[in-house]
Amino acid sequence: MEEKKIQVDIKVPNQTRYLSLIGKIGEDIANELYRYSGDRETLAYHINLVLTEAMANAIRHANASDPDKVVRVVIFFAADELVIQVHDSGQGFDINNIPTPNSENVLEDRGRGISLIRSLMDSVCYRSMADGNVLEMTKKLL
């Protein structure tokens, strides 16, 4: 069965109460990926995790919990990849300077979410754009 073209583009109020809703949307999309040969249920769970973690970071850190800001989430397919983008309007940060959690810094408030996202996705990048920043996470579907 051929995969239908899906693109989801959602603007979410900058509030953590919407995390489970967006995670569920990502999970539902992952469950519909007919061309994915792996365990779709596990993929769906991982997509839910990375989406909620990325959104929580955008809400708390990038948008500084400002209720007047929004987080934009875009989910689409590019070739044989699922691409998830989480847009924020914060100051930005250098993703390569986020420490990987280890036994010495595991209780710190920085790095756990990005480390989790990196462990579950095939590629992760964060870049500045004209109207803010985007965390882009890609999962190969083969």
N, C-alpha and C. Protein backbone atom coordinates (compact mmCIF):
# COMPACT_ATOMS: atom_id res chain seq x y z
N MET A 1 0.85 -1.18 0.00
CA MET A 1 0.00 0.00 0.00
C MET A 1 0.89 1.23 0.00
N GLU A 2 0.60 2.18 -0.86
CA GLU A 2 1.42 3.39 -0.96
C GLU A 2 1.07 4.36 0.17
N GLU A 3 2.12 4.97 0.72
CA GLU A 3 1.95 5.94 1.81
C GLU A 3 1.29 7.21 1.27
N LYS A 4 0.30 7.68 1.94
CA LYS A 4 -0.33 8.93 1.57
C LYS A 4 0.56 10.07 2.06
N LYS A 5 0.54 11.17 1.33
CA LYS A 5 1.30 12.34 1.74
C LYS A 5 0.60 12.98 2.93
N ILE A 6 1.34 13.08 4.02
CA ILE A 6 0.79 13.69 5.23
C ILE A 6 1.71 14.81 5.65
N GLN A 7 1.13 15.95 5.94
CA GLN A 7 1.87 17.02 6.59
C GLN A 7 0.94 17.64 7.62
N VAL A 8 1.43 17.68 8.85
CA VAL A 8 0.68 18.28 9.94
C VAL A 8 1.43 19.54 10.33
N ASP A 9 0.72 20.64 10.46
CA ASP A 9 1.32 21.92 10.84
C ASP A 9 0.40 22.54 11.88
N ILE A 10 0.86 22.54 13.13
CA ILE A 10 0.02 22.97 14.25
C ILE A 10 0.70 24.07 15.03
N LYS A 11 -0.04 25.10 15.36
CA LYS A 11 0.44 26.13 16.27
C LYS A 11 -0.24 25.87 17.61
N VAL A 12 0.57 25.69 18.64
CA VAL A 12 0.08 25.29 19.95
C VAL A 12 0.35 26.41 20.95
N PRO A 13 -0.63 26.77 21.77
CA PRO A 13 -0.37 27.75 22.83
C PRO A 13 0.81 27.30 23.69
N ASN A 14 1.57 28.24 24.15
CA ASN A 14 2.79 27.98 24.92
C ASN A 14 2.46 27.52 26.35
N GLN A 15 1.77 26.38 26.43
CA GLN A 15 1.35 25.84 27.72
C GLN A 15 1.58 24.33 27.72
N THR A 16 2.09 23.82 28.82
CA THR A 16 2.42 22.40 28.91
C THR A 16 1.18 21.50 28.89
N ARG A 17 0.01 22.04 29.12
CA ARG A 17 -1.18 21.19 29.13
C ARG A 17 -1.51 20.59 27.76
N TYR A 18 -0.86 21.10 26.70
CA TYR A 18 -1.09 20.57 25.36
C TYR A 18 -0.08 19.50 24.96
N LEU A 19 0.87 19.18 25.84
CA LEU A 19 1.91 18.21 25.50
C LEU A 19 1.34 16.85 25.13
N SER A 20 0.43 16.33 25.92
CA SER A 20 -0.10 14.99 25.64
C SER A 20 -0.90 14.95 24.34
N LEU A 21 -1.61 16.03 24.03
CA LEU A 21 -2.37 16.10 22.77
C LEU A 21 -1.43 16.00 21.57
N ILE A 22 -0.37 16.79 21.58
CA ILE A 22 0.56 16.78 20.45
C ILE A 22 1.31 15.45 20.39
N GLY A 23 1.70 14.92 21.54
CA GLY A 23 2.35 13.61 21.56
C GLY A 23 1.46 12.54 20.97
N LYS A 24 0.18 12.59 21.27
CA LYS A 24 -0.79 11.62 20.75
C LYS A 24 -0.95 11.75 19.24
N ILE A 25 -0.93 12.97 18.73
CA ILE A 25 -1.01 13.17 17.28
C ILE A 25 0.19 12.51 16.60
N GLY A 26 1.39 12.74 17.14
CA GLY A 26 2.59 12.12 16.59
C GLY A 26 2.52 10.60 16.66
N GLU A 27 2.00 10.10 17.76
CA GLU A 27 1.85 8.65 17.96
C GLU A 27 0.88 8.08 16.92
N ASP A 28 -0.23 8.75 16.70
CA ASP A 28 -1.21 8.28 15.72
C ASP A 28 -0.64 8.27 14.31
N ILE A 29 0.13 9.28 13.96
CA ILE A 29 0.77 9.32 12.64
C ILE A 29 1.73 8.14 12.50
N ALA A 30 2.55 7.90 13.51
CA ALA A 30 3.51 6.80 13.46
C ALA A 30 2.81 5.46 13.31
N ASN A 31 1.68 5.28 13.93
CA ASN A 31 0.93 4.02 13.83
C ASN A 31 0.38 3.79 12.43
N GLU A 32 0.29 4.82 11.63
CA GLU A 32 -0.24 4.70 10.26
C GLU A 32 0.84 4.54 9.20
N LEU A 33 2.09 4.42 9.58
CA LEU A 33 3.19 4.33 8.62
C LEU A 33 3.31 2.92 8.07
N TYR A 34 2.64 2.65 6.98
CA TYR A 34 2.62 1.32 6.40
C TYR A 34 3.98 0.88 5.88
N ARG A 35 4.79 1.82 5.41
CA ARG A 35 6.08 1.42 4.85
C ARG A 35 7.15 1.19 5.91
N TYR A 36 6.86 1.48 7.16
CA TYR A 36 7.83 1.24 8.22
C TYR A 36 7.86 -0.24 8.55
N SER A 37 9.04 -0.86 8.41
CA SER A 37 9.14 -2.31 8.58
C SER A 37 9.41 -2.72 10.03
N GLY A 38 9.69 -1.75 10.89
CA GLY A 38 9.96 -2.08 12.29
C GLY A 38 8.69 -2.15 13.12
N ASP A 39 8.86 -2.10 14.40
CA ASP A 39 7.76 -2.16 15.35
C ASP A 39 7.08 -0.79 15.41
N ARG A 40 5.90 -0.68 14.81
CA ARG A 40 5.20 0.61 14.76
C ARG A 40 4.78 1.09 16.13
N GLU A 41 4.44 0.17 17.01
CA GLU A 41 4.02 0.57 18.36
C GLU A 41 5.18 1.23 19.12
N THR A 42 6.37 0.67 18.99
CA THR A 42 7.56 1.27 19.62
C THR A 42 7.88 2.61 18.98
N LEU A 43 7.82 2.66 17.64
CA LEU A 43 8.07 3.92 16.95
C LEU A 43 7.08 4.99 17.42
N ALA A 44 5.82 4.62 17.54
CA ALA A 44 4.80 5.58 17.98
C ALA A 44 5.11 6.11 19.37
N TYR A 45 5.51 5.22 20.26
CA TYR A 45 5.88 5.63 21.62
C TYR A 45 7.08 6.59 21.59
N HIS A 46 8.08 6.28 20.78
CA HIS A 46 9.26 7.14 20.67
C HIS A 46 8.92 8.51 20.08
N ILE A 47 8.05 8.54 19.08
CA ILE A 47 7.64 9.82 18.49
C ILE A 47 6.90 10.65 19.53
N ASN A 48 6.04 10.03 20.30
CA ASN A 48 5.34 10.73 21.38
C ASN A 48 6.36 11.32 22.36
N LEU A 49 7.35 10.53 22.77
CA LEU A 49 8.37 11.00 23.71
C LEU A 49 9.15 12.19 23.17
N VAL A 50 9.66 12.08 21.93
CA VAL A 50 10.48 13.18 21.41
C VAL A 50 9.66 14.44 21.19
N LEU A 51 8.42 14.27 20.76
CA LEU A 51 7.56 15.44 20.56
C LEU A 51 7.27 16.16 21.88
N THR A 52 6.89 15.41 22.89
CA THR A 52 6.56 16.05 24.16
C THR A 52 7.81 16.65 24.81
N GLU A 53 8.95 16.00 24.68
CA GLU A 53 10.19 16.55 25.25
C GLU A 53 10.61 17.82 24.51
N ALA A 54 10.55 17.79 23.19
CA ALA A 54 10.94 18.97 22.40
C ALA A 54 9.99 20.15 22.66
N MET A 55 8.70 19.85 22.74
CA MET A 55 7.74 20.92 23.05
C MET A 55 7.94 21.48 24.44
N ALA A 56 8.17 20.61 25.42
CA ALA A 56 8.39 21.07 26.80
C ALA A 56 9.62 21.99 26.85
N ASN A 57 10.68 21.62 26.14
CA ASN A 57 11.87 22.47 26.10
C ASN A 57 11.56 23.82 25.46
N ALA A 58 10.81 23.80 24.36
CA ALA A 58 10.47 25.05 23.69
C ALA A 58 9.62 25.94 24.60
N ILE A 59 8.67 25.36 25.28
CA ILE A 59 7.77 26.13 26.15
C ILE A 59 8.53 26.71 27.33
N ARG A 60 9.29 25.88 28.02
CA ARG A 60 9.95 26.31 29.26
C ARG A 60 11.20 27.13 29.03
N HIS A 61 12.03 26.71 28.08
CA HIS A 61 13.33 27.35 27.92
C HIS A 61 13.31 28.42 26.82
N ALA A 62 12.94 28.05 25.62
CA ALA A 62 12.99 28.99 24.50
C ALA A 62 11.96 30.10 24.64
N ASN A 63 10.73 29.73 24.92
CA ASN A 63 9.67 30.73 25.02
C ASN A 63 9.46 31.22 26.45
N ALA A 64 10.32 30.79 27.37
CA ALA A 64 10.33 31.24 28.77
C ALA A 64 8.94 31.21 29.41
N SER A 65 8.16 30.19 29.09
CA SER A 65 6.81 30.01 29.64
C SER A 65 5.90 31.21 29.42
N ASP A 66 6.19 32.03 28.41
CA ASP A 66 5.39 33.21 28.07
C ASP A 66 4.08 32.76 27.43
N PRO A 67 2.92 33.00 28.09
CA PRO A 67 1.64 32.51 27.56
C PRO A 67 1.22 33.19 26.25
N ASP A 68 1.86 34.29 25.87
CA ASP A 68 1.51 34.97 24.62
C ASP A 68 2.24 34.38 23.42
N LYS A 69 3.20 33.49 23.65
CA LYS A 69 3.94 32.88 22.55
C LYS A 69 3.29 31.56 22.17
N VAL A 70 3.69 31.04 21.01
CA VAL A 70 3.19 29.75 20.54
C VAL A 70 4.39 28.87 20.16
N VAL A 71 4.13 27.58 20.13
CA VAL A 71 5.08 26.61 19.61
C VAL A 71 4.45 26.04 18.35
N ARG A 72 5.22 26.01 17.28
CA ARG A 72 4.72 25.45 16.02
C ARG A 72 5.35 24.07 15.83
N VAL A 73 4.51 23.10 15.53
CA VAL A 73 4.96 21.73 15.30
C VAL A 73 4.59 21.35 13.86
N VAL A 74 5.58 20.88 13.11
CA VAL A 74 5.36 20.43 11.74
C VAL A 74 5.87 18.99 11.65
N ILE A 75 5.02 18.11 11.13
CA ILE A 75 5.39 16.71 10.94
C ILE A 75 5.12 16.38 9.47
N PHE A 76 6.14 15.84 8.79
CA PHE A 76 5.95 15.49 7.38
C PHE A 76 6.91 14.39 6.98
N PHE A 77 6.75 13.90 5.75
CA PHE A 77 7.61 12.87 5.20
C PHE A 77 8.50 13.47 4.12
N ALA A 78 9.77 13.08 4.14
CA ALA A 78 10.71 13.47 3.09
C ALA A 78 11.43 12.18 2.68
N ALA A 79 11.21 11.75 1.46
CA ALA A 79 11.75 10.47 0.97
C ALA A 79 11.30 9.36 1.92
N ASP A 80 12.23 8.63 2.51
CA ASP A 80 11.88 7.55 3.44
C ASP A 80 12.16 7.95 4.87
N GLU A 81 11.83 9.19 5.21
CA GLU A 81 12.07 9.70 6.56
C GLU A 81 10.82 10.41 7.09
N LEU A 82 10.65 10.30 8.38
CA LEU A 82 9.65 11.09 9.09
C LEU A 82 10.41 12.26 9.69
N VAL A 83 9.95 13.47 9.40
CA VAL A 83 10.62 14.67 9.88
C VAL A 83 9.67 15.41 10.83
N ILE A 84 10.20 15.77 12.00
CA ILE A 84 9.44 16.52 12.99
C ILE A 84 10.20 17.80 13.26
N GLN A 85 9.51 18.92 13.14
CA GLN A 85 10.11 20.22 13.45
C GLN A 85 9.32 20.87 14.58
N VAL A 86 10.06 21.39 15.55
CA VAL A 86 9.44 22.15 16.64
C VAL A 86 10.05 23.54 16.59
N HIS A 87 9.20 24.52 16.27
CA HIS A 87 9.64 25.91 16.11
C HIS A 87 9.39 26.69 17.40
N ASP A 88 10.36 27.52 17.77
CA ASP A 88 10.20 28.39 18.93
C ASP A 88 10.65 29.81 18.56
N SER A 89 10.36 30.74 19.44
CA SER A 89 10.74 32.14 19.19
C SER A 89 11.71 32.64 20.26
N GLY A 90 12.50 31.74 20.80
CA GLY A 90 13.45 32.11 21.86
C GLY A 90 14.78 32.59 21.33
N GLN A 91 15.72 32.71 22.26
CA GLN A 91 17.07 33.20 21.94
C GLN A 91 17.89 32.18 21.16
N GLY A 92 17.54 30.93 21.28
CA GLY A 92 18.32 29.88 20.63
C GLY A 92 19.44 29.39 21.53
N PHE A 93 20.06 28.29 21.13
CA PHE A 93 21.17 27.73 21.89
C PHE A 93 22.00 26.87 20.94
N ASP A 94 23.21 26.55 21.37
CA ASP A 94 24.07 25.68 20.58
C ASP A 94 23.84 24.25 21.05
N ILE A 95 23.19 23.46 20.23
CA ILE A 95 22.84 22.09 20.60
C ILE A 95 24.08 21.25 20.90
N ASN A 96 25.20 21.61 20.29
CA ASN A 96 26.43 20.85 20.49
C ASN A 96 27.09 21.16 21.83
N ASN A 97 26.65 22.20 22.52
CA ASN A 97 27.19 22.54 23.83
C ASN A 97 26.34 22.01 24.98
N ILE A 98 25.30 21.26 24.66
CA ILE A 98 24.47 20.66 25.71
C ILE A 98 25.19 19.40 26.19
N PRO A 99 25.48 19.32 27.49
CA PRO A 99 26.22 18.16 27.98
C PRO A 99 25.38 16.88 27.94
N THR A 100 26.04 15.79 27.65
CA THR A 100 25.39 14.49 27.70
C THR A 100 25.31 14.07 29.16
N PRO A 101 24.13 13.67 29.62
CA PRO A 101 24.02 13.26 31.02
C PRO A 101 24.95 12.10 31.35
N ASN A 102 25.59 12.19 32.50
CA ASN A 102 26.43 11.11 33.00
C ASN A 102 26.25 11.05 34.51
N SER A 103 27.00 10.21 35.18
CA SER A 103 26.81 10.02 36.62
C SER A 103 27.10 11.30 37.42
N GLU A 104 27.87 12.22 36.85
CA GLU A 104 28.21 13.45 37.58
C GLU A 104 27.17 14.56 37.42
N ASN A 105 26.51 14.62 36.27
CA ASN A 105 25.59 15.73 36.02
C ASN A 105 24.15 15.30 35.77
N VAL A 106 23.81 14.05 36.05
CA VAL A 106 22.49 13.52 35.72
C VAL A 106 21.36 14.29 36.41
N LEU A 107 21.61 14.92 37.53
CA LEU A 107 20.56 15.65 38.24
C LEU A 107 20.41 17.09 37.77
N GLU A 108 21.30 17.54 36.90
CA GLU A 108 21.18 18.90 36.38
C GLU A 108 19.97 18.99 35.46
N ASP A 109 19.50 20.22 35.26
CA ASP A 109 18.28 20.44 34.48
C ASP A 109 18.56 20.57 32.99
N ARG A 110 19.79 20.41 32.57
CA ARG A 110 20.12 20.60 31.16
C ARG A 110 20.64 19.32 30.53
N GLY A 111 20.18 19.06 29.34
CA GLY A 111 20.76 18.00 28.53
C GLY A 111 20.00 16.69 28.48
N ARG A 112 19.18 16.40 29.48
CA ARG A 112 18.51 15.09 29.48
C ARG A 112 17.55 14.95 28.30
N GLY A 113 16.77 15.99 28.03
CA GLY A 113 15.79 15.91 26.94
C GLY A 113 16.44 15.78 25.59
N ILE A 114 17.46 16.59 25.33
CA ILE A 114 18.16 16.53 24.05
C ILE A 114 18.85 15.17 23.90
N SER A 115 19.43 14.66 24.99
CA SER A 115 20.07 13.35 24.95
C SER A 115 19.06 12.26 24.62
N LEU A 116 17.88 12.32 25.22
CA LEU A 116 16.81 11.36 24.93
C LEU A 116 16.40 11.45 23.46
N ILE A 117 16.20 12.66 22.98
CA ILE A 117 15.80 12.86 21.58
C ILE A 117 16.87 12.30 20.65
N ARG A 118 18.13 12.59 20.92
CA ARG A 118 19.22 12.08 20.07
C ARG A 118 19.26 10.55 20.07
N SER A 119 18.95 9.94 21.21
CA SER A 119 19.02 8.48 21.29
C SER A 119 17.88 7.80 20.52
N LEU A 120 16.77 8.49 20.33
CA LEU A 120 15.60 7.89 19.69
C LEU A 120 15.45 8.24 18.21
N MET A 121 16.11 9.32 17.78
CA MET A 121 15.98 9.76 16.39
C MET A 121 17.28 9.51 15.64
N ASP A 122 17.21 9.47 14.32
CA ASP A 122 18.40 9.23 13.51
C ASP A 122 19.24 10.48 13.32
N SER A 123 18.61 11.63 13.28
CA SER A 123 19.37 12.88 13.21
C SER A 123 18.58 13.97 13.92
N VAL A 124 19.33 14.89 14.55
CA VAL A 124 18.74 15.99 15.30
C VAL A 124 19.60 17.23 15.04
N CYS A 125 18.95 18.32 14.67
CA CYS A 125 19.69 19.58 14.52
C CYS A 125 18.81 20.73 15.02
N TYR A 126 19.46 21.79 15.41
CA TYR A 126 18.77 22.99 15.90
C TYR A 126 19.39 24.16 15.18
N ARG A 127 18.55 24.98 14.55
CA ARG A 127 19.11 26.10 13.79
C ARG A 127 18.23 27.33 13.92
N SER A 128 18.86 28.46 13.72
CA SER A 128 18.15 29.74 13.74
C SER A 128 17.49 29.97 12.39
N MET A 129 16.34 30.62 12.44
CA MET A 129 15.62 31.00 11.23
C MET A 129 15.25 32.46 11.38
N ALA A 130 14.67 33.05 10.35
CA ALA A 130 14.32 34.47 10.37
C ALA A 130 13.35 34.81 11.49
N ASP A 131 12.42 33.90 11.79
CA ASP A 131 11.39 34.19 12.79
C ASP A 131 11.53 33.38 14.07
N GLY A 132 12.73 32.86 14.32
CA GLY A 132 12.95 32.08 15.54
C GLY A 132 13.94 30.97 15.31
N ASN A 133 13.64 29.80 15.85
CA ASN A 133 14.52 28.64 15.77
C ASN A 133 13.69 27.40 15.50
N VAL A 134 14.38 26.36 15.03
CA VAL A 134 13.69 25.10 14.79
C VAL A 134 14.58 23.94 15.24
N LEU A 135 13.97 23.04 15.99
CA LEU A 135 14.60 21.77 16.33
C LEU A 135 14.03 20.77 15.34
N GLU A 136 14.91 20.19 14.51
CA GLU A 136 14.46 19.24 13.49
C GLU A 136 14.96 17.86 13.84
N MET A 137 14.03 16.92 13.91
CA MET A 137 14.33 15.54 14.29
C MET A 137 13.86 14.63 13.15
N THR A 138 14.73 13.73 12.74
CA THR A 138 14.43 12.86 11.60
C THR A 138 14.58 11.40 11.99
N LYS A 139 13.61 10.60 11.55
CA LYS A 139 13.63 9.16 11.78
C LYS A 139 13.52 8.46 10.43
N LYS A 140 14.51 7.62 10.12
CA LYS A 140 14.46 6.84 8.88
C LYS A 140 13.39 5.77 9.01
N LEU A 141 12.66 5.54 7.93
CA LEU A 141 11.53 4.61 7.97
C LEU A 141 11.85 3.26 7.36
N LEU A 142 13.05 3.02 6.95
CA LEU A 142 13.39 1.73 6.34
C LEU A 142 13.76 0.70 7.37
